[in-house]
């Protein structure tokens, strides 16, 4: 069990900076050393958060087979035949009854202040609390960033994933729950706002650039206001140029569904642009605005990398260049003194994923190692 990793802390600081409500998912519960409640302790101590379990795991490590939902008070055992996509409701195991009661009480205490009705019932008769009342209070606490609902499972085996997706819909804020976003008018330098409304001028932020082998370069963007039709033009506030968005896609993992338009609150991908980068503001030409760009932390770890065969040298360079264009937290450097290509990222996992993508997407097998360190003797002052 890895618990809270360095890259987890980096992502958490970014979420704190932008005041993002969030959920927690403890993955790989079927692995050796997995401990749901130890991770909760680390989240509290290392991240300074208030984690509140929504579930109690049934079994540990290789015996992990289900969870007890603390809202419904149901024990759910996943069916192994379909990789955990379905489950059976069974009585709560006797050895977990007291633990479930303890954590359900903690859950109610954590969110009671967000519902007067819930607070009143909690003092009079906790058993009379309705599921909808509890969910409403949890949603209020999450949007206020007072608690972090924690779930557990094994994503590889699709165990527990559906509960997290349901929680995203139930507890996280919709665009209308968030205040109007602020930006700067590039012509007047005055602060302007954009409400999440289709009648407002179009404004969006490009948060990711990716390369697809079939449709080419994709710009993922989040629409804060207005409407954008496929085939229309937008204004890039960074470059000061118009960009034609020839096609729009709704993304489903690595699949693209063509769509005709996007509206305030939507997340989509655009194709056909010439110069859009991560962090660019895309807006209506007659109502320019610059939204706060994304702040990216500096890489914290570096590795030397080289192709296993010399013939893959050009392919490695092309692959690294495209991956660096997609990911602003990934850097590529060439050290003239050691003749090494150094890749830098936010953690070991980050660089492992990069190396795996080189193999899968660019067909490049690479050797990795620690970068060489140059030692220089300091000469005494004359």
Protein backbone atom coordinates (compact mmCIF):
# COMPACT_ATOMS: atom_id res chain seq x y z
CA UNK A 1 0.00 0.00 0.00
CA UNK A 2 1.45 3.36 -1.05
CA UNK A 3 -1.01 5.66 0.74
CA UNK A 4 -0.58 9.39 0.13
CA UNK A 5 2.19 9.67 -2.47
CA UNK A 6 4.24 12.78 -3.39
CA UNK A 7 2.22 13.35 -6.56
CA UNK A 8 -0.95 13.14 -4.43
CA UNK A 9 0.32 16.08 -2.38
CA UNK A 10 1.09 18.07 -5.54
CA UNK A 11 -2.40 17.52 -6.95
CA UNK A 12 -3.95 18.31 -3.57
CA UNK A 13 -2.15 21.64 -3.34
CA UNK A 14 -3.45 22.55 -6.79
CA UNK A 15 -7.01 21.66 -5.73
CA UNK A 16 -6.61 23.79 -2.59
CA UNK A 17 -5.30 26.68 -4.63
CA UNK A 18 -8.31 26.67 -6.93
CA UNK A 19 -10.77 25.86 -4.10
CA UNK A 20 -12.00 22.67 -5.74
CA UNK A 21 -14.46 20.46 -3.80
CA UNK A 22 -13.33 16.85 -4.06
CA UNK A 23 -13.92 13.18 -3.27
CA UNK A 24 -11.38 10.53 -2.32
CA UNK A 25 -11.02 7.00 -3.67
CA UNK A 26 -8.65 4.52 -2.03
CA UNK A 27 -7.65 2.21 -4.88
CA UNK A 28 -6.06 -1.27 -4.96
CA UNK A 29 -7.84 -2.48 -1.84
CA UNK A 30 -7.22 -6.05 -2.97
CA UNK A 31 -3.44 -5.61 -2.87
CA UNK A 32 -1.15 -6.78 -0.08
CA UNK A 33 -0.85 -4.20 2.69
CA UNK A 34 -4.06 -2.33 1.78
CA UNK A 35 -5.55 -0.46 4.73
CA UNK A 36 -8.46 1.92 4.11
CA UNK A 37 -8.43 3.55 7.53
CA UNK A 38 -4.65 4.05 7.51
CA UNK A 39 -5.02 6.01 4.26
CA UNK A 40 -7.73 8.12 5.92
CA UNK A 41 -5.27 8.91 8.70
CA UNK A 42 -2.63 9.93 6.16
CA UNK A 43 -5.10 12.14 4.28
CA UNK A 44 -5.88 13.92 7.54
CA UNK A 45 -2.30 14.30 8.77
CA UNK A 46 -0.38 14.79 5.51
CA UNK A 47 -2.95 16.74 3.49
CA UNK A 48 -4.65 18.59 6.34
CA UNK A 49 -8.08 17.43 5.15
CA UNK A 50 -11.18 16.11 6.89
CA UNK A 51 -11.74 12.66 5.32
CA UNK A 52 -15.12 11.10 6.11
CA UNK A 53 -15.65 7.46 5.05
CA UNK A 54 -18.79 6.75 3.04
CA UNK A 55 -18.08 3.03 3.16
CA UNK A 56 -16.55 0.37 5.36
CA UNK A 57 -14.62 -2.32 3.43
CA UNK A 58 -15.63 -5.96 3.75
CA UNK A 59 -12.45 -8.01 3.89
CA UNK A 60 -8.87 -6.91 3.40
CA UNK A 61 -6.23 -7.58 0.76
CA UNK A 62 -7.02 -10.83 -1.09
CA UNK A 63 -10.28 -11.27 0.89
CA UNK A 64 -11.62 -7.83 -0.09
CA UNK A 65 -14.97 -8.55 -1.67
CA UNK A 66 -17.36 -5.70 -0.93
CA UNK A 67 -18.30 -2.65 1.12
CA UNK A 68 -20.93 -1.49 3.58
CA UNK A 69 -22.64 1.70 2.37
CA UNK A 70 -22.90 3.96 5.42
CA UNK A 71 -25.81 5.94 3.97
CA UNK A 72 -28.08 3.01 3.09
CA UNK A 73 -26.65 0.70 5.79
CA UNK A 74 -26.38 -2.03 3.15
CA UNK A 75 -23.60 -4.55 2.68
CA UNK A 76 -22.72 -5.03 -0.99
CA UNK A 77 -20.74 -8.00 -2.26
CA UNK A 78 -19.45 -7.73 -5.82
CA UNK A 79 -19.99 -10.54 -8.32
CA UNK A 80 -16.66 -11.88 -9.52
CA UNK A 81 -18.10 -13.15 -12.82
CA UNK A 82 -18.48 -9.65 -14.27
CA UNK A 83 -15.46 -7.96 -12.68
CA UNK A 84 -17.51 -6.29 -9.97
CA UNK A 85 -19.91 -4.48 -12.29
CA UNK A 86 -22.87 -5.86 -10.32
CA UNK A 87 -23.32 -6.66 -6.65
CA UNK A 88 -25.58 -8.48 -4.21
CA UNK A 89 -27.04 -6.91 -1.07
CA UNK A 90 -26.40 -9.09 1.97
CA UNK A 91 -26.70 -8.64 5.75
CA UNK A 92 -23.86 -6.63 7.35
CA UNK A 93 -21.21 -9.09 8.60
CA UNK A 94 -21.44 -9.49 12.36
CA UNK A 95 -17.81 -8.52 12.91
CA UNK A 96 -18.45 -5.16 11.21
CA UNK A 97 -21.74 -4.16 12.87
CA UNK A 98 -20.12 -2.07 15.62
CA UNK A 99 -17.60 -0.46 13.25
CA UNK A 100 -20.35 0.44 10.78
CA UNK A 101 -22.43 2.03 13.55
CA UNK A 102 -19.41 4.01 14.77
CA UNK A 103 -18.51 5.45 11.36
CA UNK A 104 -22.11 6.14 10.40
CA UNK A 105 -22.45 8.20 13.57
CA UNK A 106 -19.24 10.08 12.68
CA UNK A 107 -20.61 10.72 9.19
CA UNK A 108 -23.83 12.22 10.58
CA UNK A 109 -21.90 14.33 13.09
CA UNK A 110 -19.65 15.69 10.34
CA UNK A 111 -22.52 16.98 8.19
CA UNK A 112 -25.31 17.64 10.73
CA UNK A 113 -24.69 21.40 10.77
CA UNK A 114 -25.63 21.61 7.08
CA UNK A 115 -29.24 20.58 7.73
CA UNK A 116 -31.40 21.78 10.62
CA UNK A 117 -33.76 18.86 10.08
CA UNK A 118 -30.89 16.38 10.18
CA UNK A 119 -29.46 17.96 13.33
CA UNK A 120 -32.81 17.81 15.08
CA UNK A 121 -33.36 14.17 14.14
CA UNK A 122 -29.81 13.31 15.15
CA UNK A 123 -30.46 14.44 18.72
CA UNK A 124 -33.96 12.94 18.94
CA UNK A 125 -33.73 9.70 16.98
CA UNK A 126 -30.74 9.04 14.66
CA UNK A 127 -32.54 6.04 13.15
CA UNK A 128 -35.24 8.33 11.74
CA UNK A 129 -32.81 10.11 9.42
CA UNK A 130 -33.78 9.65 5.77
CA UNK A 131 -31.21 8.84 3.10
CA UNK A 132 -32.11 11.92 1.03
CA UNK A 133 -31.64 14.18 4.06
CA UNK A 134 -28.20 12.73 4.70
CA UNK A 135 -27.17 13.07 1.04
CA UNK A 136 -28.32 16.68 0.93
CA UNK A 137 -26.27 17.51 4.03
CA UNK A 138 -23.21 15.71 2.61
CA UNK A 139 -23.53 17.72 -0.60
CA UNK A 140 -23.61 20.97 1.35
CA UNK A 141 -20.50 20.01 3.32
CA UNK A 142 -18.63 18.93 0.17
CA UNK A 143 -19.43 22.13 -1.75
CA UNK A 144 -18.32 24.11 1.32
CA UNK A 145 -15.07 22.04 1.28
CA UNK A 146 -15.52 20.98 4.90
CA UNK A 147 -15.33 17.23 4.32
CA UNK A 148 -13.79 14.79 1.85
CA UNK A 149 -16.10 11.79 1.28
CA UNK A 150 -13.89 8.71 1.03
CA UNK A 151 -14.63 5.59 -1.00
CA UNK A 152 -12.65 2.42 -1.66
CA UNK A 153 -12.34 -0.32 -4.25
CA UNK A 154 -10.22 -1.80 -7.01
CA UNK A 155 -10.46 0.21 -10.23
CA UNK A 156 -8.66 -2.45 -12.28
CA UNK A 157 -11.43 -4.93 -11.44
CA UNK A 158 -14.16 -2.24 -11.68
CA UNK A 159 -14.99 -2.71 -8.00
CA UNK A 160 -16.31 0.41 -6.31
CA UNK A 161 -16.01 2.64 -9.37
CA UNK A 162 -19.75 3.05 -9.90
CA UNK A 163 -20.23 4.32 -6.34
CA UNK A 164 -17.65 7.07 -6.97
CA UNK A 165 -19.31 8.10 -10.24
CA UNK A 166 -22.68 8.24 -8.49
CA UNK A 167 -21.09 10.37 -5.75
CA UNK A 168 -19.69 12.81 -8.35
CA UNK A 169 -23.24 13.40 -9.58
CA UNK A 170 -24.75 13.51 -6.08
CA UNK A 171 -22.23 15.61 -4.13
CA UNK A 172 -19.98 17.70 -6.35
CA UNK A 173 -21.20 21.14 -7.50
CA UNK A 174 -22.77 21.70 -10.89
CA UNK A 175 -21.78 24.81 -12.89
CA UNK A 176 -24.77 26.74 -11.50
CA UNK A 177 -23.56 26.08 -7.94
CA UNK A 178 -20.33 27.96 -8.65
CA UNK A 179 -19.97 31.74 -8.66
CA UNK A 180 -19.47 33.60 -11.93
CA UNK A 181 -15.87 33.29 -13.10
CA UNK A 182 -13.73 36.41 -13.22
CA UNK A 183 -11.34 37.42 -15.97
CA UNK A 184 -9.58 40.46 -17.39
CA UNK A 185 -10.61 42.34 -20.49
CA UNK A 186 -7.37 42.51 -22.59
CA UNK A 187 -8.43 45.84 -24.13
CA UNK A 188 -9.32 47.72 -20.93
CA UNK A 189 -7.52 45.66 -18.24
CA UNK A 190 -10.75 45.77 -16.24
CA UNK A 191 -12.13 42.76 -14.36
CA UNK A 192 -15.18 41.18 -15.98
CA UNK A 193 -17.33 38.19 -15.06
CA UNK A 194 -18.96 35.39 -16.99
CA UNK A 195 -21.95 33.58 -15.54
CA UNK A 196 -22.67 29.91 -16.44
CA UNK A 197 -25.40 30.94 -18.86
CA UNK A 198 -25.90 30.24 -22.56
CA UNK A 199 -26.92 33.87 -23.08
CA UNK A 200 -23.53 35.18 -21.92
CA UNK A 201 -20.64 35.71 -24.41
CA UNK A 202 -18.67 32.54 -25.10
CA UNK A 203 -15.71 31.90 -22.78
CA UNK A 204 -13.77 28.67 -22.25
CA UNK A 205 -10.41 27.48 -20.96
CA UNK A 206 -8.25 24.93 -22.78
CA UNK A 207 -6.92 22.57 -20.13
CA UNK A 208 -5.31 19.81 -22.17
CA UNK A 209 -3.81 19.22 -25.61
CA UNK A 210 -3.69 15.65 -26.91
CA UNK A 211 -2.81 13.89 -30.15
CA UNK A 212 -5.17 11.31 -31.59
CA UNK A 213 -3.97 9.00 -34.41
CA UNK A 214 -7.26 9.42 -36.29
CA UNK A 215 -8.39 13.04 -35.79
CA UNK A 216 -5.06 14.75 -35.06
CA UNK A 217 -4.54 17.31 -32.30
CA UNK A 218 -7.35 17.68 -29.79
CA UNK A 219 -7.86 20.66 -27.49
CA UNK A 220 -9.87 19.75 -24.41
CA UNK A 221 -11.72 22.76 -23.01
CA UNK A 222 -14.25 23.64 -20.34
CA UNK A 223 -17.02 26.08 -21.32
CA UNK A 224 -17.77 28.68 -18.66
CA UNK A 225 -20.36 30.70 -20.57
CA UNK A 226 -22.13 31.01 -23.90
CA UNK A 227 -22.44 28.62 -26.82
CA UNK A 228 -20.00 27.37 -29.47
CA UNK A 229 -21.11 25.79 -32.75
CA UNK A 230 -18.95 23.39 -34.74
CA UNK A 231 -17.39 25.15 -37.71
CA UNK A 232 -17.44 28.60 -36.09
CA UNK A 233 -14.60 30.89 -35.07
CA UNK A 234 -13.30 31.76 -31.62
CA UNK A 235 -10.72 34.25 -30.39
CA UNK A 236 -7.55 33.08 -28.62
CA UNK A 237 -6.81 35.71 -26.00
CA UNK A 238 -3.16 34.63 -25.68
CA UNK A 239 -2.18 34.77 -29.34
CA UNK A 240 -4.65 37.49 -30.32
CA UNK A 241 -5.74 35.44 -33.33
CA UNK A 242 -8.95 33.87 -34.56
CA UNK A 243 -9.17 30.07 -34.60
CA UNK A 244 -11.65 28.03 -36.58
CA UNK A 245 -13.05 25.07 -34.67
CA UNK A 246 -13.95 22.68 -37.48
CA UNK A 247 -15.28 19.85 -35.33
CA UNK A 248 -16.41 19.31 -31.75
CA UNK A 249 -16.34 16.02 -29.88
CA UNK A 250 -17.79 14.70 -26.67
CA UNK A 251 -15.08 12.43 -25.27
CA UNK A 252 -15.65 8.98 -23.79
CA UNK A 253 -12.23 7.71 -22.71
CA UNK A 254 -10.43 7.24 -26.05
CA UNK A 255 -13.61 7.46 -28.14
CA UNK A 256 -14.98 10.61 -29.75
CA UNK A 257 -18.65 11.33 -30.34
CA UNK A 258 -19.16 14.19 -32.83
CA UNK A 259 -21.46 16.95 -31.55
CA UNK A 260 -22.82 20.11 -33.17
CA UNK A 261 -22.46 22.53 -30.24
CA UNK A 262 -21.35 22.97 -26.65
CA UNK A 263 -22.88 25.14 -23.97
CA UNK A 264 -21.96 26.65 -20.61
CA UNK A 265 -20.90 23.88 -18.22
CA UNK A 266 -19.86 21.43 -20.94
CA UNK A 267 -16.46 19.79 -21.35
CA UNK A 268 -15.55 18.91 -24.92
CA UNK A 269 -12.66 18.58 -27.38
CA UNK A 270 -12.03 20.66 -30.48
CA UNK A 271 -10.27 19.80 -33.75
CA UNK A 272 -9.02 21.99 -36.58
CA UNK A 273 -7.19 24.70 -34.65
CA UNK A 274 -3.70 25.98 -35.48
CA UNK A 275 -2.30 27.40 -32.25
CA UNK A 276 -4.02 26.52 -28.98
CA UNK A 277 -1.99 25.65 -25.91
CA UNK A 278 -2.83 24.41 -22.45
CA UNK A 279 -4.13 27.30 -20.35
CA UNK A 280 -5.36 29.42 -23.29
CA UNK A 281 -8.61 31.37 -22.97
CA UNK A 282 -10.98 30.84 -25.89
CA UNK A 283 -13.67 33.49 -26.18
CA UNK A 284 -16.01 35.45 -28.41
CA UNK A 285 -14.18 37.90 -30.63
CA UNK A 286 -16.55 40.74 -29.76
CA UNK A 287 -16.25 40.09 -26.01
CA UNK A 288 -12.58 39.23 -25.30
CA UNK A 289 -11.59 38.06 -21.84
CA UNK A 290 -8.53 36.43 -20.29
CA UNK A 291 -9.35 33.86 -17.64
CA UNK A 292 -6.84 32.90 -14.98
CA UNK A 293 -4.41 30.50 -16.59
CA UNK A 294 -3.40 27.21 -15.07
CA UNK A 295 -0.34 27.33 -12.81
CA UNK A 296 1.89 24.29 -13.26
CA UNK A 297 4.39 23.18 -10.61
CA UNK A 298 8.00 22.52 -11.53
CA UNK A 299 9.07 18.89 -12.03
CA UNK A 300 10.52 17.22 -8.95
CA UNK A 301 12.23 14.13 -10.37
CA UNK A 302 14.32 13.32 -13.43
CA UNK A 303 15.44 10.16 -15.22
CA UNK A 304 17.84 9.45 -18.03
CA UNK A 305 16.21 7.72 -21.01
CA UNK A 306 17.49 6.21 -24.24
CA UNK A 307 16.03 3.95 -26.95
CA UNK A 308 16.92 0.29 -26.84
CA UNK A 309 17.90 0.42 -30.51
CA UNK A 310 19.62 3.29 -32.32
CA UNK A 311 17.05 3.23 -35.13
CA UNK A 312 14.39 4.38 -32.64
CA UNK A 313 16.27 7.57 -31.75
CA UNK A 314 14.19 9.79 -34.05
CA UNK A 315 10.96 8.13 -32.98
CA UNK A 316 11.88 8.66 -29.32
CA UNK A 317 12.52 12.35 -29.93
CA UNK A 318 9.20 12.76 -31.76
CA UNK A 319 7.31 10.92 -29.03
CA UNK A 320 8.87 12.92 -26.20
CA UNK A 321 8.17 16.16 -28.06
CA UNK A 322 4.47 15.33 -28.48
CA UNK A 323 4.10 14.17 -24.88
CA UNK A 324 5.75 17.37 -23.61
CA UNK A 325 3.36 19.42 -25.74
CA UNK A 326 0.39 17.61 -24.16
CA UNK A 327 1.62 17.77 -20.56
CA UNK A 328 3.07 21.06 -19.23
CA UNK A 329 4.36 19.32 -16.07
CA UNK A 330 6.53 17.01 -18.21
CA UNK A 331 9.88 18.39 -19.39
CA UNK A 332 12.54 17.02 -21.74
CA UNK A 333 16.16 18.19 -21.58
CA UNK A 334 19.38 17.18 -23.27
CA UNK A 335 22.54 17.25 -21.17
CA UNK A 336 25.49 18.08 -23.44
CA UNK A 337 28.03 17.10 -20.79
CA UNK A 338 26.68 13.59 -20.17
CA UNK A 339 25.08 13.10 -23.63
CA UNK A 340 21.85 12.03 -21.95
CA UNK A 341 18.23 12.79 -22.62
CA UNK A 342 16.64 13.64 -19.27
CA UNK A 343 12.90 13.47 -18.71
CA UNK A 344 11.45 15.27 -15.70
CA UNK A 345 8.05 14.95 -14.08
CA UNK A 346 6.00 15.16 -10.90
CA UNK A 347 6.90 11.72 -9.54
CA UNK A 348 7.99 8.20 -10.40
CA UNK A 349 4.45 7.20 -11.37
CA UNK A 350 4.23 10.14 -13.75
CA UNK A 351 7.43 9.12 -15.55
CA UNK A 352 6.43 5.45 -15.59
CA UNK A 353 3.24 6.40 -17.42
CA UNK A 354 5.26 8.47 -19.90
CA UNK A 355 7.56 5.52 -20.63
CA UNK A 356 4.57 3.21 -21.00
CA UNK A 357 2.93 5.65 -23.44
CA UNK A 358 6.14 5.76 -25.49
CA UNK A 359 5.92 2.01 -25.84
CA UNK A 360 2.16 1.84 -26.50
CA UNK A 361 1.58 4.90 -28.69
CA UNK A 362 4.94 5.46 -30.39
CA UNK A 363 6.27 1.87 -30.45
CA UNK A 364 9.52 2.89 -28.74
CA UNK A 365 11.19 0.56 -26.25
CA UNK A 366 13.31 2.64 -23.87
CA UNK A 367 15.94 2.03 -21.23
CA UNK A 368 15.67 4.17 -18.14
CA UNK A 369 18.08 5.05 -15.39
CA UNK A 370 19.18 7.76 -13.02
CA UNK A 371 20.73 10.84 -14.64
CA UNK A 372 24.47 11.14 -14.25
CA UNK A 373 25.73 13.79 -11.89
CA UNK A 374 28.71 15.94 -12.86
CA UNK A 375 31.13 16.51 -10.00
CA UNK A 376 33.28 19.60 -10.27
CA UNK A 377 36.13 20.42 -7.93
CA UNK A 378 35.92 23.89 -6.51
CA UNK A 379 39.26 25.65 -6.97
CA UNK A 380 40.60 27.70 -4.07
CA UNK A 381 40.35 31.45 -4.42
CA UNK A 382 43.70 33.11 -5.33
